[in-house]
Amino acid sequence: MNQQINQPYPQAYADIDRATIESGFTMASDTLTCSLLKTLAAAKPGGKFLELGTGTGLSTSWILDGMEAAATLISIDNDARFLAIADRFLGNDKRLELICMDGADWFEQNKQLKFDYIFADTWHGKYLLLDEAIAMLNPGGLYIIDDMLPQPNWPDGHHEKAIRLMEVLEQRTDLVLTKQCWATGIAIAVKKAV
C-alpha cells in the first residue's frame, strides 16, 4: 500500500488549483486529505454537508465529487476574493450553496440546522464555537478536521492550540474519535446517538 491517490481528481480541480496559486492563497487542504473527504462524503448518501472554510474551493470540489445527487453542501468563508474562485468553478452545482460571511455570525443565525458531515477547516467550528458545531451534527454525523500536525504556515503558539483542541475532543463523551498521523494530521469523529 502507498499514499498515491488512485481515484480521479474532480473535474474542476486543476482549474481551481491554478487559480489558487495565482491568487496567493496558501491554506488549501492537501490532496490526501481531499481524497479522504471525497471517500467519507460517499458514506452519506442524501446527506446534508457543511464546510467551514471554503478557501478557493479545492476541498469543496472533492466533497462534491463524493456526494450523490440528492445531497447538499453549504460552504462558508469570510473572504470574498477567494470564495469567488470557488464560485467561478463550482457555482453551477445545484447541490452547493456558497456563503460569504463571518463564521460566528453564520453560527448565530443558523443554530437550528443539522448536518450529517462537517468539515471544519477554519477557526470557527474548530478552535472557536466547537460546541456549536458538534451540536449541529446528526447522530452518526461525521466531524472532520485537518492540520493537526505542525504546519510550516502556523503562527507562533498555534501548536499549543492544536494540542488543546485534541485534548478537548478526546474528553467529549458524545463523540467516537480517531486521530490519524497522516497527511497533515486528521481527526475524524462520529456523533453518538443519544
N, C-alpha and C. Protein backbone atom coordinates (compact mmCIF):
# COMPACT_ATOMS: atom_id res chain seq x y z
N MET A 1 0.85 -1.18 0.00
CA MET A 1 0.00 0.00 0.00
C MET A 1 0.90 1.24 0.00
N ASN A 2 0.45 2.26 -0.70
CA ASN A 2 1.18 3.52 -0.71
C ASN A 2 0.19 4.67 -0.55
N GLN A 3 0.69 5.89 -0.56
CA GLN A 3 -0.18 7.05 -0.35
C GLN A 3 -0.57 7.74 -1.66
N GLN A 4 -0.44 7.03 -2.78
CA GLN A 4 -0.87 7.62 -4.04
C GLN A 4 -2.39 7.70 -4.09
N ILE A 5 -2.88 8.75 -4.71
CA ILE A 5 -4.32 8.90 -4.88
C ILE A 5 -4.68 8.24 -6.20
N ASN A 6 -5.37 7.12 -6.12
CA ASN A 6 -5.73 6.36 -7.32
C ASN A 6 -7.20 6.46 -7.63
N GLN A 7 -7.75 7.62 -7.39
CA GLN A 7 -9.12 7.90 -7.82
C GLN A 7 -9.08 9.20 -8.62
N PRO A 8 -10.03 9.37 -9.50
CA PRO A 8 -9.97 10.57 -10.35
C PRO A 8 -10.11 11.85 -9.53
N TYR A 9 -9.33 12.84 -9.92
CA TYR A 9 -9.47 14.16 -9.32
C TYR A 9 -10.78 14.79 -9.82
N PRO A 10 -11.38 15.68 -9.05
CA PRO A 10 -12.59 16.35 -9.54
C PRO A 10 -12.31 17.10 -10.85
N GLN A 11 -13.33 17.20 -11.66
CA GLN A 11 -13.18 17.82 -12.98
C GLN A 11 -12.65 19.25 -12.88
N ALA A 12 -13.11 20.01 -11.89
CA ALA A 12 -12.71 21.41 -11.77
C ALA A 12 -11.40 21.60 -11.01
N TYR A 13 -10.83 20.53 -10.48
CA TYR A 13 -9.69 20.66 -9.56
C TYR A 13 -8.50 21.40 -10.18
N ALA A 14 -8.09 21.01 -11.37
CA ALA A 14 -6.90 21.62 -11.99
C ALA A 14 -7.09 23.12 -12.20
N ASP A 15 -8.29 23.53 -12.64
CA ASP A 15 -8.55 24.96 -12.85
C ASP A 15 -8.55 25.71 -11.52
N ILE A 16 -9.16 25.13 -10.50
CA ILE A 16 -9.18 25.77 -9.19
C ILE A 16 -7.76 25.86 -8.64
N ASP A 17 -6.98 24.81 -8.82
CA ASP A 17 -5.60 24.79 -8.33
C ASP A 17 -4.78 25.91 -8.98
N ARG A 18 -4.91 26.08 -10.29
CA ARG A 18 -4.19 27.15 -10.98
C ARG A 18 -4.62 28.52 -10.45
N ALA A 19 -5.93 28.71 -10.31
CA ALA A 19 -6.43 30.00 -9.81
C ALA A 19 -6.01 30.23 -8.36
N THR A 20 -5.91 29.16 -7.60
CA THR A 20 -5.47 29.27 -6.20
C THR A 20 -4.03 29.75 -6.13
N ILE A 21 -3.16 29.17 -6.95
CA ILE A 21 -1.76 29.58 -6.98
C ILE A 21 -1.64 31.04 -7.41
N GLU A 22 -2.39 31.43 -8.44
CA GLU A 22 -2.37 32.81 -8.93
C GLU A 22 -2.87 33.79 -7.87
N SER A 23 -3.82 33.35 -7.04
CA SER A 23 -4.40 34.24 -6.03
C SER A 23 -3.49 34.46 -4.83
N GLY A 24 -2.52 33.56 -4.65
CA GLY A 24 -1.65 33.65 -3.49
C GLY A 24 -2.19 32.96 -2.25
N PHE A 25 -3.32 32.26 -2.38
CA PHE A 25 -3.91 31.54 -1.25
C PHE A 25 -3.01 30.36 -0.89
N THR A 26 -2.62 30.26 0.39
CA THR A 26 -1.67 29.23 0.79
C THR A 26 -2.22 28.26 1.85
N MET A 27 -3.51 28.30 2.10
CA MET A 27 -4.08 27.50 3.18
C MET A 27 -4.93 26.33 2.66
N ALA A 28 -4.75 25.94 1.43
CA ALA A 28 -5.57 24.87 0.84
C ALA A 28 -5.28 23.52 1.48
N SER A 29 -6.29 22.68 1.58
CA SER A 29 -6.10 21.32 2.08
C SER A 29 -5.30 20.51 1.08
N ASP A 30 -4.46 19.62 1.59
CA ASP A 30 -3.63 18.80 0.70
C ASP A 30 -4.50 17.72 0.03
N THR A 31 -3.97 17.14 -1.04
CA THR A 31 -4.77 16.20 -1.83
C THR A 31 -5.07 14.90 -1.09
N LEU A 32 -4.20 14.47 -0.19
CA LEU A 32 -4.52 13.26 0.59
C LEU A 32 -5.77 13.50 1.44
N THR A 33 -5.80 14.64 2.11
CA THR A 33 -6.97 14.99 2.90
C THR A 33 -8.21 15.08 2.01
N CYS A 34 -8.06 15.72 0.88
CA CYS A 34 -9.20 15.89 -0.04
C CYS A 34 -9.73 14.54 -0.52
N SER A 35 -8.84 13.61 -0.81
CA SER A 35 -9.26 12.28 -1.23
C SER A 35 -10.08 11.61 -0.13
N LEU A 36 -9.64 11.76 1.12
CA LEU A 36 -10.40 11.21 2.24
C LEU A 36 -11.76 11.89 2.37
N LEU A 37 -11.81 13.22 2.18
CA LEU A 37 -13.08 13.94 2.25
C LEU A 37 -14.07 13.39 1.23
N LYS A 38 -13.58 13.10 0.03
CA LYS A 38 -14.44 12.53 -1.02
C LYS A 38 -14.96 11.17 -0.60
N THR A 39 -14.08 10.31 -0.09
CA THR A 39 -14.48 8.96 0.31
C THR A 39 -15.52 9.01 1.43
N LEU A 40 -15.28 9.87 2.43
CA LEU A 40 -16.23 9.98 3.54
C LEU A 40 -17.56 10.58 3.08
N ALA A 41 -17.51 11.48 2.11
CA ALA A 41 -18.75 12.05 1.57
C ALA A 41 -19.63 10.98 0.94
N ALA A 42 -18.99 10.01 0.30
CA ALA A 42 -19.75 8.93 -0.34
C ALA A 42 -20.47 8.06 0.69
N ALA A 43 -20.06 8.15 1.96
CA ALA A 43 -20.70 7.36 3.03
C ALA A 43 -21.99 8.00 3.53
N LYS A 44 -22.35 9.18 3.02
CA LYS A 44 -23.54 9.89 3.49
C LYS A 44 -24.49 10.19 2.32
N PRO A 45 -25.08 9.14 1.72
CA PRO A 45 -25.99 9.38 0.60
C PRO A 45 -27.18 10.25 1.02
N GLY A 46 -27.47 11.24 0.20
CA GLY A 46 -28.57 12.15 0.50
C GLY A 46 -28.30 13.05 1.69
N GLY A 47 -27.04 13.12 2.13
CA GLY A 47 -26.70 13.84 3.35
C GLY A 47 -26.69 15.35 3.21
N LYS A 48 -26.68 15.97 4.38
CA LYS A 48 -26.53 17.42 4.48
C LYS A 48 -25.11 17.69 4.96
N PHE A 49 -24.34 18.43 4.14
CA PHE A 49 -22.92 18.65 4.36
C PHE A 49 -22.66 20.11 4.69
N LEU A 50 -21.66 20.34 5.55
CA LEU A 50 -21.23 21.69 5.89
C LEU A 50 -19.72 21.75 5.82
N GLU A 51 -19.21 22.75 5.12
CA GLU A 51 -17.77 23.01 5.08
C GLU A 51 -17.54 24.40 5.65
N LEU A 52 -16.72 24.46 6.69
CA LEU A 52 -16.39 25.73 7.33
C LEU A 52 -14.98 26.11 6.88
N GLY A 53 -14.90 27.09 5.99
CA GLY A 53 -13.62 27.49 5.42
C GLY A 53 -13.47 26.99 3.99
N THR A 54 -14.19 27.61 3.08
CA THR A 54 -14.16 27.21 1.67
C THR A 54 -12.79 27.44 1.05
N GLY A 55 -12.17 28.56 1.42
CA GLY A 55 -10.95 28.97 0.72
C GLY A 55 -11.30 29.20 -0.74
N THR A 56 -10.55 28.59 -1.63
CA THR A 56 -10.79 28.75 -3.08
C THR A 56 -11.64 27.61 -3.64
N GLY A 57 -11.98 26.64 -2.80
CA GLY A 57 -12.86 25.57 -3.25
C GLY A 57 -12.18 24.27 -3.62
N LEU A 58 -10.89 24.13 -3.34
CA LEU A 58 -10.22 22.87 -3.68
C LEU A 58 -10.84 21.70 -2.92
N SER A 59 -10.95 21.80 -1.60
CA SER A 59 -11.57 20.71 -0.84
C SER A 59 -13.06 20.60 -1.16
N THR A 60 -13.69 21.71 -1.44
CA THR A 60 -15.10 21.71 -1.81
C THR A 60 -15.34 20.83 -3.03
N SER A 61 -14.43 20.92 -4.01
CA SER A 61 -14.60 20.14 -5.23
C SER A 61 -14.54 18.64 -4.94
N TRP A 62 -13.69 18.24 -4.00
CA TRP A 62 -13.59 16.83 -3.64
C TRP A 62 -14.82 16.36 -2.88
N ILE A 63 -15.30 17.18 -1.96
CA ILE A 63 -16.52 16.81 -1.21
C ILE A 63 -17.67 16.62 -2.19
N LEU A 64 -17.85 17.57 -3.09
CA LEU A 64 -18.91 17.47 -4.09
C LEU A 64 -18.76 16.20 -4.94
N ASP A 65 -17.53 15.86 -5.26
CA ASP A 65 -17.27 14.69 -6.09
C ASP A 65 -17.71 13.39 -5.40
N GLY A 66 -17.66 13.38 -4.07
CA GLY A 66 -18.09 12.20 -3.33
C GLY A 66 -19.57 12.16 -3.02
N MET A 67 -20.23 13.30 -3.13
CA MET A 67 -21.66 13.39 -2.80
C MET A 67 -22.52 12.86 -3.93
N GLU A 68 -23.67 12.31 -3.56
CA GLU A 68 -24.62 11.91 -4.59
C GLU A 68 -25.54 13.08 -4.94
N ALA A 69 -26.39 12.87 -5.93
CA ALA A 69 -27.20 13.96 -6.48
C ALA A 69 -28.16 14.57 -5.46
N ALA A 70 -28.67 13.79 -4.51
CA ALA A 70 -29.67 14.31 -3.57
C ALA A 70 -29.05 15.01 -2.37
N ALA A 71 -27.74 14.96 -2.23
CA ALA A 71 -27.07 15.59 -1.09
C ALA A 71 -26.92 17.09 -1.32
N THR A 72 -26.69 17.83 -0.21
CA THR A 72 -26.48 19.28 -0.30
C THR A 72 -25.27 19.67 0.53
N LEU A 73 -24.59 20.74 0.08
CA LEU A 73 -23.40 21.24 0.76
C LEU A 73 -23.51 22.74 0.93
N ILE A 74 -23.39 23.19 2.17
CA ILE A 74 -23.22 24.62 2.47
C ILE A 74 -21.75 24.82 2.77
N SER A 75 -21.13 25.77 2.10
CA SER A 75 -19.71 26.07 2.32
C SER A 75 -19.55 27.55 2.60
N ILE A 76 -18.86 27.86 3.70
CA ILE A 76 -18.80 29.23 4.21
C ILE A 76 -17.35 29.71 4.26
N ASP A 77 -17.16 30.95 3.85
CA ASP A 77 -15.86 31.59 4.01
C ASP A 77 -16.11 33.09 4.18
N ASN A 78 -15.19 33.77 4.85
CA ASN A 78 -15.37 35.21 5.05
C ASN A 78 -14.55 36.06 4.09
N ASP A 79 -13.84 35.43 3.16
CA ASP A 79 -13.01 36.16 2.20
C ASP A 79 -13.62 36.07 0.81
N ALA A 80 -14.26 37.14 0.38
CA ALA A 80 -14.98 37.15 -0.90
C ALA A 80 -14.05 36.91 -2.09
N ARG A 81 -12.81 37.35 -1.98
CA ARG A 81 -11.87 37.19 -3.10
C ARG A 81 -11.60 35.72 -3.38
N PHE A 82 -11.35 34.95 -2.33
CA PHE A 82 -11.08 33.53 -2.51
C PHE A 82 -12.36 32.75 -2.81
N LEU A 83 -13.44 33.13 -2.16
CA LEU A 83 -14.72 32.47 -2.40
C LEU A 83 -15.16 32.63 -3.86
N ALA A 84 -14.79 33.75 -4.48
CA ALA A 84 -15.14 33.99 -5.89
C ALA A 84 -14.52 32.94 -6.80
N ILE A 85 -13.35 32.41 -6.43
CA ILE A 85 -12.73 31.35 -7.23
C ILE A 85 -13.58 30.09 -7.15
N ALA A 86 -14.00 29.73 -5.95
CA ALA A 86 -14.88 28.56 -5.79
C ALA A 86 -16.17 28.76 -6.59
N ASP A 87 -16.72 29.96 -6.52
CA ASP A 87 -17.97 30.23 -7.24
C ASP A 87 -17.77 30.14 -8.76
N ARG A 88 -16.64 30.61 -9.24
CA ARG A 88 -16.38 30.58 -10.69
C ARG A 88 -16.38 29.15 -11.23
N PHE A 89 -15.78 28.23 -10.48
CA PHE A 89 -15.61 26.87 -10.99
C PHE A 89 -16.64 25.87 -10.46
N LEU A 90 -17.31 26.19 -9.35
CA LEU A 90 -18.25 25.23 -8.75
C LEU A 90 -19.66 25.79 -8.57
N GLY A 91 -19.84 27.07 -8.83
CA GLY A 91 -21.10 27.75 -8.55
C GLY A 91 -22.30 27.22 -9.30
N ASN A 92 -22.09 26.51 -10.40
CA ASN A 92 -23.22 25.97 -11.16
C ASN A 92 -23.76 24.66 -10.58
N ASP A 93 -23.09 24.12 -9.59
CA ASP A 93 -23.54 22.86 -8.98
C ASP A 93 -24.72 23.17 -8.06
N LYS A 94 -25.88 22.65 -8.40
CA LYS A 94 -27.12 22.94 -7.67
C LYS A 94 -27.09 22.41 -6.23
N ARG A 95 -26.19 21.48 -5.94
CA ARG A 95 -26.10 20.92 -4.59
C ARG A 95 -25.37 21.85 -3.63
N LEU A 96 -24.68 22.85 -4.17
CA LEU A 96 -23.77 23.71 -3.41
C LEU A 96 -24.36 25.08 -3.15
N GLU A 97 -24.24 25.52 -1.89
CA GLU A 97 -24.56 26.90 -1.53
C GLU A 97 -23.31 27.51 -0.92
N LEU A 98 -22.76 28.50 -1.60
CA LEU A 98 -21.58 29.22 -1.11
C LEU A 98 -22.04 30.46 -0.37
N ILE A 99 -21.50 30.68 0.82
CA ILE A 99 -21.90 31.81 1.65
C ILE A 99 -20.66 32.58 2.09
N CYS A 100 -20.66 33.89 1.83
CA CYS A 100 -19.59 34.76 2.28
C CYS A 100 -20.08 35.46 3.55
N MET A 101 -19.53 35.03 4.69
CA MET A 101 -20.00 35.55 5.97
C MET A 101 -19.00 35.19 7.06
N ASP A 102 -18.94 35.99 8.08
CA ASP A 102 -18.14 35.66 9.25
C ASP A 102 -18.73 34.41 9.90
N GLY A 103 -17.86 33.48 10.30
CA GLY A 103 -18.32 32.22 10.86
C GLY A 103 -19.18 32.38 12.10
N ALA A 104 -18.79 33.29 12.99
CA ALA A 104 -19.57 33.50 14.23
C ALA A 104 -20.98 33.98 13.90
N ASP A 105 -21.10 34.89 12.94
CA ASP A 105 -22.42 35.38 12.54
C ASP A 105 -23.25 34.26 11.94
N TRP A 106 -22.61 33.44 11.11
CA TRP A 106 -23.35 32.34 10.48
C TRP A 106 -23.87 31.37 11.54
N PHE A 107 -23.02 31.00 12.50
CA PHE A 107 -23.47 30.09 13.56
C PHE A 107 -24.64 30.69 14.33
N GLU A 108 -24.55 31.98 14.65
CA GLU A 108 -25.62 32.63 15.41
C GLU A 108 -26.95 32.58 14.66
N GLN A 109 -26.91 32.72 13.36
CA GLN A 109 -28.14 32.76 12.55
C GLN A 109 -28.65 31.37 12.16
N ASN A 110 -27.87 30.32 12.36
CA ASN A 110 -28.24 29.00 11.84
C ASN A 110 -28.16 27.88 12.86
N LYS A 111 -28.32 28.20 14.13
CA LYS A 111 -28.20 27.21 15.21
C LYS A 111 -29.10 25.99 15.02
N GLN A 112 -30.23 26.20 14.35
CA GLN A 112 -31.22 25.13 14.23
C GLN A 112 -30.87 24.10 13.15
N LEU A 113 -29.89 24.37 12.31
CA LEU A 113 -29.57 23.45 11.22
C LEU A 113 -28.85 22.21 11.74
N LYS A 114 -29.07 21.10 11.06
CA LYS A 114 -28.42 19.83 11.40
C LYS A 114 -27.72 19.28 10.15
N PHE A 115 -26.57 18.62 10.38
CA PHE A 115 -25.76 18.12 9.28
C PHE A 115 -25.31 16.69 9.55
N ASP A 116 -25.02 15.99 8.46
CA ASP A 116 -24.52 14.62 8.53
C ASP A 116 -23.01 14.57 8.39
N TYR A 117 -22.40 15.71 8.07
CA TYR A 117 -20.97 15.75 7.75
C TYR A 117 -20.53 17.20 7.88
N ILE A 118 -19.55 17.44 8.73
CA ILE A 118 -18.99 18.77 8.89
C ILE A 118 -17.48 18.68 8.71
N PHE A 119 -16.96 19.43 7.76
CA PHE A 119 -15.52 19.58 7.60
C PHE A 119 -15.17 20.98 8.09
N ALA A 120 -14.52 21.06 9.25
CA ALA A 120 -14.16 22.35 9.85
C ALA A 120 -12.71 22.65 9.51
N ASP A 121 -12.52 23.55 8.58
CA ASP A 121 -11.18 23.86 8.07
C ASP A 121 -10.83 25.33 8.28
N THR A 122 -11.39 25.90 9.35
CA THR A 122 -11.09 27.28 9.71
C THR A 122 -11.28 27.41 11.21
N TRP A 123 -11.11 28.59 11.75
CA TRP A 123 -11.19 28.78 13.20
C TRP A 123 -12.58 28.44 13.74
N HIS A 124 -13.63 28.96 13.09
CA HIS A 124 -14.99 28.73 13.58
C HIS A 124 -15.40 27.29 13.31
N GLY A 125 -15.88 26.64 14.36
CA GLY A 125 -16.25 25.24 14.27
C GLY A 125 -15.11 24.31 14.60
N LYS A 126 -13.95 24.89 14.90
CA LYS A 126 -12.76 24.11 15.21
C LYS A 126 -12.13 24.66 16.49
N TYR A 127 -11.48 25.80 16.40
CA TYR A 127 -10.89 26.43 17.58
C TYR A 127 -11.88 27.36 18.28
N LEU A 128 -12.83 27.85 17.55
CA LEU A 128 -13.91 28.69 18.09
C LEU A 128 -15.23 28.01 17.79
N LEU A 129 -16.18 28.10 18.70
CA LEU A 129 -17.54 27.58 18.51
C LEU A 129 -17.56 26.08 18.21
N LEU A 130 -16.65 25.36 18.82
CA LEU A 130 -16.62 23.90 18.65
C LEU A 130 -17.91 23.26 19.15
N ASP A 131 -18.37 23.66 20.34
CA ASP A 131 -19.60 23.08 20.88
C ASP A 131 -20.78 23.31 19.94
N GLU A 132 -20.84 24.50 19.37
CA GLU A 132 -21.93 24.82 18.45
C GLU A 132 -21.87 23.95 17.20
N ALA A 133 -20.67 23.70 16.69
CA ALA A 133 -20.53 22.84 15.51
C ALA A 133 -20.95 21.41 15.83
N ILE A 134 -20.49 20.87 16.95
CA ILE A 134 -20.84 19.50 17.32
C ILE A 134 -22.34 19.38 17.55
N ALA A 135 -22.96 20.43 18.10
CA ALA A 135 -24.41 20.42 18.33
C ALA A 135 -25.19 20.34 17.02
N MET A 136 -24.58 20.75 15.92
CA MET A 136 -25.25 20.72 14.62
C MET A 136 -25.17 19.35 13.95
N LEU A 137 -24.42 18.43 14.51
CA LEU A 137 -24.29 17.11 13.91
C LEU A 137 -25.48 16.22 14.26
N ASN A 138 -26.00 15.55 13.26
CA ASN A 138 -26.99 14.50 13.49
C ASN A 138 -26.30 13.29 14.11
N PRO A 139 -27.03 12.43 14.82
CA PRO A 139 -26.43 11.18 15.29
C PRO A 139 -25.84 10.42 14.10
N GLY A 140 -24.64 9.93 14.26
CA GLY A 140 -23.94 9.26 13.16
C GLY A 140 -23.22 10.21 12.24
N GLY A 141 -23.35 11.51 12.49
CA GLY A 141 -22.71 12.51 11.65
C GLY A 141 -21.21 12.55 11.84
N LEU A 142 -20.50 12.89 10.79
CA LEU A 142 -19.04 12.97 10.78
C LEU A 142 -18.57 14.39 11.05
N TYR A 143 -17.58 14.51 11.93
CA TYR A 143 -16.90 15.78 12.18
C TYR A 143 -15.44 15.55 11.80
N ILE A 144 -14.94 16.33 10.85
CA ILE A 144 -13.60 16.11 10.28
C ILE A 144 -12.80 17.40 10.38
N ILE A 145 -11.56 17.27 10.89
CA ILE A 145 -10.63 18.40 10.89
C ILE A 145 -9.27 17.92 10.39
N ASP A 146 -8.52 18.85 9.80
CA ASP A 146 -7.17 18.52 9.36
C ASP A 146 -6.19 19.53 9.95
N ASP A 147 -4.94 19.46 9.53
CA ASP A 147 -3.88 20.36 10.01
C ASP A 147 -3.66 20.24 11.51
N MET A 148 -3.70 19.02 12.02
CA MET A 148 -3.44 18.80 13.44
C MET A 148 -1.97 18.47 13.72
N LEU A 149 -1.20 18.20 12.67
CA LEU A 149 0.25 18.06 12.80
C LEU A 149 0.88 19.41 12.46
N PRO A 150 2.02 19.74 13.04
CA PRO A 150 2.64 21.06 12.77
C PRO A 150 2.78 21.34 11.28
N GLN A 151 2.40 22.56 10.90
CA GLN A 151 2.45 23.00 9.51
C GLN A 151 3.41 24.19 9.40
N PRO A 152 4.10 24.33 8.26
CA PRO A 152 5.06 25.43 8.13
C PRO A 152 4.43 26.82 8.19
N ASN A 153 3.13 26.93 7.89
CA ASN A 153 2.49 28.26 7.89
C ASN A 153 1.81 28.59 9.22
N TRP A 154 2.01 27.76 10.25
CA TRP A 154 1.41 28.05 11.56
C TRP A 154 2.08 29.25 12.20
N PRO A 155 1.29 30.15 12.79
CA PRO A 155 1.88 31.25 13.57
C PRO A 155 2.40 30.73 14.92
N ASP A 156 3.20 31.53 15.58
CA ASP A 156 3.71 31.16 16.90
C ASP A 156 2.55 30.87 17.84
N GLY A 157 2.67 29.79 18.62
CA GLY A 157 1.65 29.44 19.60
C GLY A 157 0.53 28.56 19.07
N HIS A 158 0.50 28.35 17.76
CA HIS A 158 -0.61 27.56 17.21
C HIS A 158 -0.49 26.08 17.57
N HIS A 159 0.71 25.59 17.68
CA HIS A 159 0.91 24.18 18.03
C HIS A 159 0.21 23.85 19.35
N GLU A 160 0.32 24.75 20.31
CA GLU A 160 -0.34 24.55 21.61
C GLU A 160 -1.85 24.55 21.47
N LYS A 161 -2.36 25.38 20.60
CA LYS A 161 -3.83 25.40 20.36
C LYS A 161 -4.29 24.06 19.78
N ALA A 162 -3.52 23.52 18.85
CA ALA A 162 -3.88 22.23 18.25
C ALA A 162 -3.87 21.12 19.30
N ILE A 163 -2.88 21.13 20.17
CA ILE A 163 -2.81 20.13 21.24
C ILE A 163 -4.01 20.25 22.16
N ARG A 164 -4.36 21.47 22.54
CA ARG A 164 -5.52 21.68 23.42
C ARG A 164 -6.82 21.23 22.75
N LEU A 165 -6.96 21.52 21.46
CA LEU A 165 -8.16 21.10 20.74
C LEU A 165 -8.30 19.58 20.76
N MET A 166 -7.21 18.88 20.52
CA MET A 166 -7.28 17.42 20.54
C MET A 166 -7.63 16.90 21.92
N GLU A 167 -7.11 17.53 22.96
CA GLU A 167 -7.45 17.13 24.33
C GLU A 167 -8.94 17.32 24.60
N VAL A 168 -9.48 18.44 24.14
CA VAL A 168 -10.92 18.71 24.32
C VAL A 168 -11.75 17.66 23.59
N LEU A 169 -11.38 17.35 22.35
CA LEU A 169 -12.13 16.35 21.58
C LEU A 169 -12.04 14.97 22.24
N GLU A 170 -10.87 14.62 22.76
CA GLU A 170 -10.71 13.32 23.41
C GLU A 170 -11.56 13.18 24.67
N GLN A 171 -11.86 14.29 25.33
CA GLN A 171 -12.63 14.26 26.57
C GLN A 171 -14.13 14.25 26.34
N ARG A 172 -14.56 14.52 25.14
CA ARG A 172 -16.01 14.57 24.86
C ARG A 172 -16.59 13.16 24.92
N THR A 173 -17.75 13.04 25.55
CA THR A 173 -18.40 11.73 25.65
C THR A 173 -19.45 11.53 24.58
N ASP A 174 -19.70 12.57 23.77
CA ASP A 174 -20.72 12.45 22.72
C ASP A 174 -20.13 12.11 21.36
N LEU A 175 -18.82 11.85 21.31
CA LEU A 175 -18.13 11.55 20.06
C LEU A 175 -17.33 10.26 20.17
N VAL A 176 -17.22 9.57 19.05
CA VAL A 176 -16.23 8.49 18.89
C VAL A 176 -15.16 9.08 17.98
N LEU A 177 -13.91 9.11 18.45
CA LEU A 177 -12.85 9.89 17.80
C LEU A 177 -11.70 8.99 17.36
N THR A 178 -11.19 9.25 16.15
CA THR A 178 -9.95 8.64 15.69
C THR A 178 -9.02 9.75 15.22
N LYS A 179 -7.77 9.69 15.70
CA LYS A 179 -6.75 10.65 15.29
C LYS A 179 -5.79 9.92 14.35
N GLN A 180 -5.43 10.60 13.26
CA GLN A 180 -4.54 9.99 12.28
C GLN A 180 -3.31 10.86 12.06
N CYS A 181 -2.14 10.29 12.29
CA CYS A 181 -0.88 10.98 12.00
C CYS A 181 -0.54 10.71 10.53
N TRP A 182 -1.34 11.25 9.66
CA TRP A 182 -1.27 11.00 8.22
C TRP A 182 -1.67 12.29 7.52
N ALA A 183 -1.19 12.50 6.34
CA ALA A 183 -1.44 13.74 5.60
C ALA A 183 -0.99 14.90 6.50
N THR A 184 -1.86 15.85 6.78
CA THR A 184 -1.49 16.98 7.64
C THR A 184 -1.91 16.77 9.09
N GLY A 185 -2.37 15.56 9.40
CA GLY A 185 -2.89 15.27 10.75
C GLY A 185 -4.38 15.46 10.74
N ILE A 186 -5.11 14.36 10.76
CA ILE A 186 -6.56 14.41 10.61
C ILE A 186 -7.22 13.78 11.82
N ALA A 187 -8.32 14.37 12.25
CA ALA A 187 -9.16 13.78 13.27
C ALA A 187 -10.56 13.61 12.68
N ILE A 188 -11.11 12.43 12.89
CA ILE A 188 -12.47 12.13 12.42
C ILE A 188 -13.26 11.67 13.64
N ALA A 189 -14.40 12.31 13.85
CA ALA A 189 -15.26 11.93 14.97
C ALA A 189 -16.66 11.64 14.43
N VAL A 190 -17.34 10.75 15.10
CA VAL A 190 -18.74 10.43 14.79
C VAL A 190 -19.57 10.77 16.01
N LYS A 191 -20.67 11.48 15.78
CA LYS A 191 -21.58 11.86 16.86
C LYS A 191 -22.36 10.61 17.30
N LYS A 192 -22.31 10.33 18.59
CA LYS A 192 -23.03 9.18 19.13
C LYS A 192 -24.53 9.47 19.13
N ALA A 193 -25.31 8.40 18.99
CA ALA A 193 -26.76 8.51 19.16
C ALA A 193 -27.02 8.70 20.65
N VAL A 194 -28.02 9.49 20.97
CA VAL A 194 -28.34 9.75 22.38
C VAL A 194 -28.89 8.51 23.05
